[in-house]
Amino acid sequence: MKGVFVGRQPIYDREQNVYAYELLFRNSDQNFAQIDDPDKATSELVINALTEIGLNNIVGDKLGFINLTRNFVTGSLPLPGAEDRLVLEVLEDIELDDSVLNGIQRLKQKNYIIALDDFIFHPHLEPLVEIAHIIKIDLMALDQQQLKDHVDRLSKYPVKLLAEKVETHEEYQRCLDYGFEYFQGYFFSKPNIIQGQRTPANRMALLNLLGKISNPDVDVDELEHLISQDVTLSFRLLRYINSSQYAMEKSVDSVKHAVMLLGMDTVRSIAYLIVFSSIEDKPFELFVSALIRAHMCELLAEKIEESQLAATYFTVGLFSTMDAIMDQPIEDVLGQLPLKQAVSDAILNHEGTMGRALQASIAYERGEWDELEDTIVESDIIVNVYLQALSWCRDFIDSIESLRAA
């Protein structure tokens, strides 16, 4: 089966909730980083997202941003509907004329949300601004004064501003202060750029618990003691194990019983996930990313016939997002955890097969298709692994949501 690639990058609102995802296409049969035919790329992206994979599987109940070429804007090429699910981005290199303006107006009348991509203001673009709902501004294209001038100029229009390529806390805070509504970039996934931010006490306690659970020398009795010290964790873990997810024939009434039935690694992994999901002051998307990475790494271990290490691969993927969750450089976080050297090396430097599995998972997550040309398995296998991880993640989140409310 030919692989289907759809990249996605989250777009956050001012409360750090995921507002939407930008959807990205690359053809894995060609040079991943290059699009030879923009119309064909947009067509296949729409087909892949809405038909092959399904929009719900990619964005859930969020919106999907897609780039439009001139032919889609003017109506020469058709769009498939889904007006209530898609935000249409008008690319910055489309020459503005009556056909384009009329096309955008028609799309707006069909109730599509219209966004202007990589927007830099020029007087002749004013008719576009009057039509648009959202204007995306690339922070790397403007200096600070130019950014402020753009915000002031656009403030007289009923549009919402989206900051692209937000990579530091300073940029994020500046855009918040300027009144931007939406934010996109590596800031949330690379918070190690933030300097001097104190980790809240509750996250320090959770890190300490994770460190003890992660100790490879911990035995069943000690693991049960650690988990039982956190009443909420032990309650949720046993409740989850007794849910339909594991379809146990008999009720599991203790952590020791769970270990006997499921194994130490499985119980430890469930504990990790429940601890992560209890962190309330970070975007839930970080937890989702951790889950997808972890399960992708676990599945890749099976693909390369290292299933006996699948739980360790899972840990590598899961802990690769700890810098974002703890607001600390990843080196500092890992230094507080008693992880095996091979695990730390895989996370920090992508060393060994575990590191290559993590590297492939991150590359797919970020849409860095050229990084998948020479990876741990063939690119079409990565596609299938990603889809399996996405499906597994949805099922897990459905079951864990009831635990979060408990």
Protein backbone atom coordinates (compact mmCIF):
# COMPACT_ATOMS: atom_id res chain seq x y z
CA MET A 1 0.00 0.00 0.00
CA LYS A 2 1.32 3.44 -0.90
CA GLY A 3 2.07 5.59 2.10
CA VAL A 4 -0.09 8.60 2.91
CA PHE A 5 1.60 11.53 4.63
CA VAL A 6 -0.26 14.33 6.36
CA GLY A 7 1.74 16.45 8.74
CA ARG A 8 0.08 18.55 11.39
CA GLN A 9 1.20 21.36 13.64
CA PRO A 10 -0.96 22.61 16.51
CA ILE A 11 -2.21 26.18 16.69
CA TYR A 12 -2.92 27.46 20.20
CA ASP A 13 -5.26 30.12 21.56
CA ARG A 14 -4.45 32.64 24.30
CA GLU A 15 -5.28 30.10 27.02
CA GLN A 16 -2.81 27.58 25.51
CA ASN A 17 -5.63 25.34 24.31
CA VAL A 18 -5.35 23.81 20.85
CA TYR A 19 -7.54 25.84 18.50
CA ALA A 20 -6.67 24.05 15.28
CA TYR A 21 -3.98 22.17 13.36
CA GLU A 22 -2.21 23.26 10.20
CA LEU A 23 -2.16 20.32 7.80
CA LEU A 24 0.92 19.81 5.61
CA PHE A 25 1.47 17.58 2.60
CA ARG A 26 4.64 16.03 1.19
CA ASN A 27 4.91 13.21 -1.35
CA SER A 28 7.04 10.42 0.10
CA ASP A 29 7.79 9.08 -3.37
CA GLN A 30 9.60 12.29 -4.30
CA ASN A 31 12.00 14.65 -2.60
CA PHE A 32 10.11 15.10 0.63
CA ALA A 33 11.05 18.74 1.05
CA GLN A 34 9.98 19.83 -2.44
CA ILE A 35 6.56 20.33 -4.06
CA ASP A 36 6.78 20.28 -7.84
CA ASP A 37 3.07 20.85 -8.48
CA PRO A 38 1.34 22.99 -5.81
CA ASP A 39 -2.14 22.28 -7.19
CA LYS A 40 -1.53 18.53 -7.07
CA ALA A 41 -0.09 18.81 -3.56
CA THR A 42 -3.16 20.65 -2.27
CA SER A 43 -5.49 18.20 -4.01
CA GLU A 44 -3.77 15.18 -2.49
CA LEU A 45 -3.60 16.81 0.92
CA VAL A 46 -7.36 17.39 0.89
CA ILE A 47 -8.05 13.84 -0.34
CA ASN A 48 -5.67 12.28 2.16
CA ALA A 49 -6.99 14.32 5.08
CA LEU A 50 -10.71 14.02 4.34
CA THR A 51 -10.89 10.60 2.67
CA GLU A 52 -7.86 8.36 3.13
CA ILE A 53 -7.25 9.09 6.80
CA GLY A 54 -10.27 11.10 7.84
CA LEU A 55 -10.31 14.59 9.27
CA ASN A 56 -11.56 13.38 12.64
CA ASN A 57 -8.56 11.07 12.94
CA ILE A 58 -6.18 13.95 12.31
CA VAL A 59 -7.72 16.95 14.06
CA GLY A 60 -10.46 15.48 16.24
CA ASP A 61 -13.00 18.21 16.97
CA LYS A 62 -10.57 20.99 16.02
CA LEU A 63 -10.24 22.94 12.78
CA GLY A 64 -7.79 22.11 10.00
CA PHE A 65 -5.80 24.84 8.22
CA ILE A 66 -4.89 24.08 4.59
CA ASN A 67 -2.98 26.17 2.04
CA LEU A 68 -4.77 27.09 -1.18
CA THR A 69 -3.21 27.78 -4.55
CA ARG A 70 -4.65 30.29 -7.02
CA ASN A 71 -6.62 27.64 -8.91
CA PHE A 72 -8.45 26.57 -5.75
CA VAL A 73 -9.13 30.18 -4.79
CA THR A 74 -10.60 31.10 -8.17
CA GLY A 75 -12.66 27.91 -8.40
CA SER A 76 -10.76 26.33 -11.29
CA LEU A 77 -10.17 23.37 -8.93
CA PRO A 78 -12.93 22.22 -6.56
CA LEU A 79 -12.91 22.01 -2.78
CA PRO A 80 -14.69 19.04 -1.15
CA GLY A 81 -16.90 20.87 1.31
CA ALA A 82 -16.26 20.49 5.07
CA GLU A 83 -16.89 24.21 5.40
CA ASP A 84 -17.29 23.90 9.16
CA ARG A 85 -13.98 22.04 9.61
CA LEU A 86 -11.48 23.87 7.40
CA VAL A 87 -9.64 27.18 7.50
CA LEU A 88 -8.47 28.15 4.02
CA GLU A 89 -5.07 29.85 3.89
CA VAL A 90 -4.51 32.17 0.95
CA LEU A 91 -0.82 31.90 0.13
CA GLU A 92 1.26 35.05 0.11
CA ASP A 93 2.57 34.47 -3.42
CA ILE A 94 -0.88 34.54 -5.08
CA GLU A 95 -1.13 37.61 -7.29
CA LEU A 96 -4.11 39.69 -6.26
CA ASP A 97 -6.63 40.46 -9.00
CA ASP A 98 -10.42 40.48 -9.44
CA SER A 99 -10.59 36.73 -10.00
CA VAL A 100 -8.80 36.06 -6.72
CA LEU A 101 -10.86 38.59 -4.78
CA ASN A 102 -14.13 37.24 -6.18
CA GLY A 103 -13.02 33.67 -5.44
CA ILE A 104 -12.16 34.44 -1.83
CA GLN A 105 -15.46 36.24 -1.42
CA ARG A 106 -17.33 33.17 -2.72
CA LEU A 107 -15.47 30.91 -0.32
CA LYS A 108 -16.31 33.23 2.56
CA GLN A 109 -19.97 33.20 1.55
CA LYS A 110 -19.85 29.39 1.76
CA ASN A 111 -18.88 29.86 5.44
CA TYR A 112 -15.24 28.89 5.11
CA ILE A 113 -12.90 30.70 7.51
CA ILE A 114 -10.38 32.69 5.45
CA ALA A 115 -6.78 33.17 6.62
CA LEU A 116 -4.00 35.13 4.93
CA ASP A 117 -0.68 33.28 5.16
CA ASP A 118 2.70 34.95 5.89
CA PHE A 119 1.06 38.34 5.54
CA ILE A 120 3.06 41.54 5.05
CA PHE A 121 0.90 44.63 4.64
CA HIS A 122 0.90 46.63 1.42
CA PRO A 123 -1.82 49.14 0.51
CA HIS A 124 -2.91 47.11 -2.54
CA LEU A 125 -3.67 44.15 -0.22
CA GLU A 126 -6.26 46.08 1.78
CA PRO A 127 -9.23 44.45 -0.04
CA LEU A 128 -7.89 41.06 1.13
CA VAL A 129 -7.69 42.25 4.72
CA GLU A 130 -11.32 43.37 4.56
CA ILE A 131 -12.40 39.84 3.59
CA ALA A 132 -10.19 37.76 5.89
CA HIS A 133 -11.05 36.35 9.30
CA ILE A 134 -7.49 35.52 10.37
CA ILE A 135 -4.13 37.03 9.41
CA LYS A 136 -0.99 34.97 9.97
CA ILE A 137 2.18 36.95 10.62
CA ASP A 138 5.60 35.31 10.39
CA LEU A 139 7.65 36.65 13.31
CA MET A 140 10.87 35.90 11.46
CA ALA A 141 9.88 38.17 8.57
CA LEU A 142 9.49 41.34 10.66
CA ASP A 143 11.56 43.10 13.28
CA GLN A 144 9.94 44.21 16.54
CA GLN A 145 8.99 47.69 15.32
CA GLN A 146 7.61 46.35 12.04
CA LEU A 147 5.55 43.82 13.99
CA LYS A 148 4.10 46.57 16.19
CA ASP A 149 3.35 48.69 13.11
CA HIS A 150 1.50 45.76 11.51
CA VAL A 151 -0.56 45.17 14.64
CA ASP A 152 -1.48 48.86 14.85
CA ARG A 153 -2.38 49.02 11.17
CA LEU A 154 -4.50 45.85 11.26
CA SER A 155 -6.27 46.75 14.51
CA LYS A 156 -8.88 48.78 12.62
CA TYR A 157 -10.06 45.65 10.79
CA PRO A 158 -12.25 42.88 12.31
CA VAL A 159 -9.55 40.24 11.93
CA LYS A 160 -7.77 37.99 14.41
CA LEU A 161 -4.00 37.77 14.36
CA LEU A 162 -2.04 34.51 14.40
CA ALA A 163 1.67 34.59 15.26
CA GLU A 164 3.71 32.07 13.26
CA LYS A 165 7.14 30.70 14.21
CA VAL A 166 6.90 31.59 17.88
CA GLU A 167 10.08 30.11 19.27
CA THR A 168 10.79 31.88 22.57
CA HIS A 169 8.88 32.87 25.67
CA GLU A 170 9.77 36.49 24.95
CA GLU A 171 8.16 36.33 21.50
CA TYR A 172 5.11 34.58 22.90
CA GLN A 173 4.66 37.17 25.67
CA ARG A 174 5.16 40.05 23.25
CA CYS A 175 2.49 38.72 20.92
CA LEU A 176 0.15 38.17 23.87
CA ASP A 177 0.68 41.80 24.88
CA TYR A 178 0.06 42.97 21.32
CA GLY A 179 -3.29 41.18 21.27
CA PHE A 180 -2.60 38.17 19.07
CA GLU A 181 -5.34 35.54 19.38
CA TYR A 182 -3.51 32.48 18.07
CA PHE A 183 0.04 31.11 18.18
CA GLN A 184 1.96 28.57 16.12
CA GLY A 185 5.56 27.43 16.38
CA TYR A 186 8.09 25.38 18.35
CA PHE A 187 7.71 27.33 21.59
CA PHE A 188 5.51 24.72 23.23
CA SER A 189 7.56 21.79 22.00
CA LYS A 190 10.93 23.42 22.72
CA PRO A 191 10.44 25.27 26.01
CA ASN A 192 14.07 24.71 26.90
CA ILE A 193 14.60 28.10 25.26
CA ILE A 194 12.89 29.61 28.33
CA GLN A 195 15.52 30.70 30.83
CA GLY A 196 15.05 30.93 34.56
CA GLN A 197 11.43 29.90 34.81
CA ARG A 198 10.75 28.11 38.06
CA THR A 199 9.09 24.75 37.90
CA PRO A 200 5.83 24.72 39.92
CA ALA A 201 5.96 22.61 43.08
CA ASN A 202 3.33 20.14 41.90
CA ARG A 203 5.40 19.31 38.82
CA MET A 204 8.52 18.86 40.97
CA ALA A 205 6.62 16.34 43.10
CA LEU A 206 5.46 14.53 39.98
CA LEU A 207 9.01 14.50 38.60
CA ASN A 208 10.23 12.99 41.85
CA LEU A 209 7.55 10.29 41.63
CA LEU A 210 8.41 9.59 38.01
CA GLY A 211 12.07 9.30 38.92
CA LYS A 212 11.36 6.66 41.54
CA ILE A 213 8.99 4.71 39.31
CA SER A 214 11.58 4.83 36.51
CA ASN A 215 14.28 3.17 38.59
CA PRO A 216 15.06 -0.06 36.70
CA ASP A 217 15.95 -1.78 40.00
CA VAL A 218 12.58 -1.14 41.65
CA ASP A 219 10.83 -4.39 42.63
CA VAL A 220 7.12 -5.18 42.75
CA ASP A 221 6.68 -4.39 46.44
CA GLU A 222 8.52 -1.07 46.13
CA LEU A 223 6.56 -0.11 43.01
CA GLU A 224 3.30 -0.88 44.79
CA HIS A 225 4.43 1.21 47.78
CA LEU A 226 5.36 4.19 45.59
CA ILE A 227 2.10 4.16 43.68
CA SER A 228 0.02 3.56 46.80
CA GLN A 229 1.53 6.66 48.44
CA ASP A 230 -0.33 8.74 45.84
CA VAL A 231 -3.97 7.90 46.51
CA THR A 232 -5.19 9.52 43.29
CA LEU A 233 -2.59 7.71 41.18
CA SER A 234 -3.31 4.29 42.70
CA PHE A 235 -7.08 4.77 42.36
CA ARG A 236 -6.85 5.85 38.73
CA LEU A 237 -4.37 3.12 37.81
CA LEU A 238 -6.55 0.34 39.21
CA ARG A 239 -9.66 1.88 37.71
CA TYR A 240 -8.00 2.08 34.30
CA ILE A 241 -6.69 -1.50 34.45
CA ASN A 242 -10.20 -2.70 35.33
CA SER A 243 -11.73 -0.76 32.42
CA SER A 244 -12.68 -2.28 29.07
CA GLN A 245 -9.24 -1.32 27.73
CA TYR A 246 -7.76 -4.51 29.24
CA ALA A 247 -10.91 -6.64 29.46
CA MET A 248 -9.84 -8.44 32.62
CA GLU A 249 -11.88 -11.52 33.49
CA LYS A 250 -11.52 -10.81 37.22
CA SER A 251 -11.27 -7.54 39.09
CA VAL A 252 -7.71 -6.31 39.76
CA ASP A 253 -7.61 -5.05 43.35
CA SER A 254 -3.93 -4.18 43.91
CA VAL A 255 -0.87 -2.92 42.09
CA LYS A 256 0.90 -6.22 42.85
CA HIS A 257 -1.99 -8.12 41.29
CA ALA A 258 -1.77 -5.85 38.23
CA VAL A 259 1.96 -6.50 37.88
CA MET A 260 1.39 -10.26 38.06
CA LEU A 261 -1.19 -10.08 35.28
CA LEU A 262 0.27 -7.38 33.02
CA GLY A 263 3.95 -7.26 33.87
CA MET A 264 6.09 -4.60 35.52
CA ASP A 265 6.75 -2.62 32.32
CA THR A 266 3.07 -2.32 31.40
CA VAL A 267 2.04 -1.15 34.87
CA ARG A 268 4.93 1.30 34.93
CA SER A 269 3.89 2.70 31.52
CA ILE A 270 0.28 3.15 32.64
CA ALA A 271 1.51 4.94 35.76
CA TYR A 272 3.63 7.27 33.59
CA LEU A 273 0.63 8.16 31.45
CA ILE A 274 -1.69 8.80 34.36
CA VAL A 275 0.91 11.01 36.05
CA PHE A 276 1.37 12.99 32.84
CA SER A 277 -2.37 13.42 32.37
CA SER A 278 -2.72 14.82 35.90
CA ILE A 279 -0.64 17.90 35.03
CA GLU A 280 -3.24 20.63 34.68
CA ASP A 281 -1.16 23.73 33.89
CA LYS A 282 0.19 22.63 30.51
CA PRO A 283 -1.59 22.23 27.16
CA PHE A 284 -3.19 18.80 26.84
CA GLU A 285 -1.64 18.64 23.36
CA LEU A 286 1.73 18.00 25.02
CA PHE A 287 0.28 14.89 26.62
CA VAL A 288 -1.14 13.81 23.26
CA SER A 289 2.23 14.33 21.56
CA ALA A 290 3.92 12.30 24.31
CA LEU A 291 1.45 9.46 23.82
CA ILE A 292 1.84 9.37 20.05
CA ARG A 293 5.64 9.48 20.21
CA ALA A 294 5.73 6.80 22.89
CA HIS A 295 3.48 4.39 21.02
CA MET A 296 5.23 5.06 17.70
CA CYS A 297 8.56 4.14 19.30
CA GLU A 298 6.99 1.06 20.85
CA LEU A 299 5.58 -0.07 17.50
CA LEU A 300 8.89 0.61 15.74
CA ALA A 301 10.61 -1.65 18.27
CA GLU A 302 8.34 -4.46 17.11
CA LYS A 303 9.01 -3.66 13.44
CA ILE A 304 12.76 -4.07 13.90
CA GLU A 305 12.31 -7.20 15.99
CA GLU A 306 13.19 -5.66 19.34
CA SER A 307 9.78 -6.28 20.90
CA GLN A 308 11.50 -7.43 24.11
CA LEU A 309 12.56 -3.77 24.53
CA ALA A 310 9.22 -2.27 23.48
CA ALA A 311 8.53 -0.87 26.96
CA THR A 312 11.91 0.89 26.96
CA TYR A 313 11.22 2.34 23.51
CA PHE A 314 7.89 3.55 24.90
CA THR A 315 9.70 5.32 27.75
CA VAL A 316 12.08 7.01 25.31
CA GLY A 317 9.19 8.47 23.33
CA LEU A 318 7.24 9.47 26.42
CA PHE A 319 10.12 11.16 28.22
CA SER A 320 11.26 13.04 25.10
CA THR A 321 8.58 15.64 25.87
CA MET A 322 9.57 16.12 29.51
CA ASP A 323 11.32 19.43 28.77
CA ALA A 324 8.02 20.90 27.61
CA ILE A 325 6.14 19.57 30.61
CA MET A 326 8.72 20.65 33.20
CA ASP A 327 9.78 23.93 31.51
CA GLN A 328 13.41 22.88 31.92
CA PRO A 329 16.14 21.91 29.47
CA ILE A 330 15.82 18.23 28.69
CA GLU A 331 19.35 17.59 30.00
CA ASP A 332 18.35 18.93 33.43
CA VAL A 333 15.15 16.88 33.53
CA LEU A 334 16.83 13.63 32.58
CA GLY A 335 19.57 14.31 35.11
CA GLN A 336 16.94 14.00 37.84
CA LEU A 337 15.71 10.61 36.61
CA PRO A 338 17.53 7.30 37.18
CA LEU A 339 17.35 6.29 33.54
CA LYS A 340 19.71 3.89 31.83
CA GLN A 341 22.43 5.60 29.82
CA ALA A 342 21.10 4.14 26.57
CA VAL A 343 17.71 5.75 27.22
CA SER A 344 19.22 9.15 27.99
CA ASP A 345 21.48 8.95 24.92
CA ALA A 346 18.49 8.06 22.74
CA ILE A 347 16.51 11.08 23.98
CA LEU A 348 19.38 13.59 24.00
CA ASN A 349 21.36 12.57 20.94
CA HIS A 350 19.12 10.10 19.06
CA GLU A 351 21.78 7.42 19.53
CA GLY A 352 21.20 3.73 18.92
CA THR A 353 18.09 2.11 17.51
CA MET A 354 15.94 3.67 20.23
CA GLY A 355 17.26 7.10 19.27
CA ARG A 356 16.61 6.47 15.58
CA ALA A 357 13.05 5.36 16.38
CA LEU A 358 12.51 8.58 18.35
CA GLN A 359 14.08 10.64 15.56
CA ALA A 360 11.72 9.09 13.00
CA SER A 361 8.70 9.72 15.24
CA ILE A 362 9.61 13.37 15.78
CA ALA A 363 10.36 13.92 12.08
CA TYR A 364 6.93 12.59 11.10
CA GLU A 365 5.23 14.60 13.85
CA ARG A 366 6.82 17.83 12.57
CA GLY A 367 6.38 17.10 8.87
CA GLU A 368 10.15 16.98 8.28
CA TRP A 369 9.80 14.47 5.49
CA ASP A 370 13.38 14.72 4.22
CA GLU A 371 14.50 13.33 7.60
CA LEU A 372 12.56 10.13 6.84
CA GLU A 373 14.49 9.26 3.69
CA ASP A 374 17.18 7.40 5.63
CA THR A 375 15.56 6.23 8.82
CA ILE A 376 15.05 3.10 10.90
CA VAL A 377 12.36 1.59 8.61
CA GLU A 378 10.84 2.39 5.21
CA SER A 379 8.77 5.57 5.05
CA ASP A 380 5.51 3.75 4.27
CA ILE A 381 5.93 1.77 7.50
CA ILE A 382 6.31 5.06 9.39
CA VAL A 383 2.96 6.16 7.94
CA ASN A 384 1.21 3.02 9.15
CA VAL A 385 2.89 3.23 12.55
CA TYR A 386 1.74 6.83 12.92
CA LEU A 387 -1.85 5.96 12.04
CA GLN A 388 -1.83 3.06 14.52
CA ALA A 389 -0.41 5.33 17.22
CA LEU A 390 -3.03 7.98 16.45
CA SER A 391 -5.85 5.43 16.75
CA TRP A 392 -4.40 3.99 19.97
CA CYS A 393 -3.99 7.48 21.40
CA ARG A 394 -7.63 8.35 20.70
CA ASP A 395 -8.78 5.20 22.49
CA PHE A 396 -6.50 5.84 25.43
CA ILE A 397 -7.62 9.47 25.77
CA ASP A 398 -11.26 8.41 25.68
CA SER A 399 -10.64 6.06 28.58
CA ILE A 400 -8.37 8.42 30.52
CA GLU A 401 -10.77 11.37 30.31
CA SER A 402 -13.09 9.69 32.80
CA LEU A 403 -10.13 9.27 35.14
CA ARG A 404 -9.21 12.96 34.84
CA ALA A 405 -12.72 13.82 35.98
CA ALA A 406 -12.61 11.40 38.92
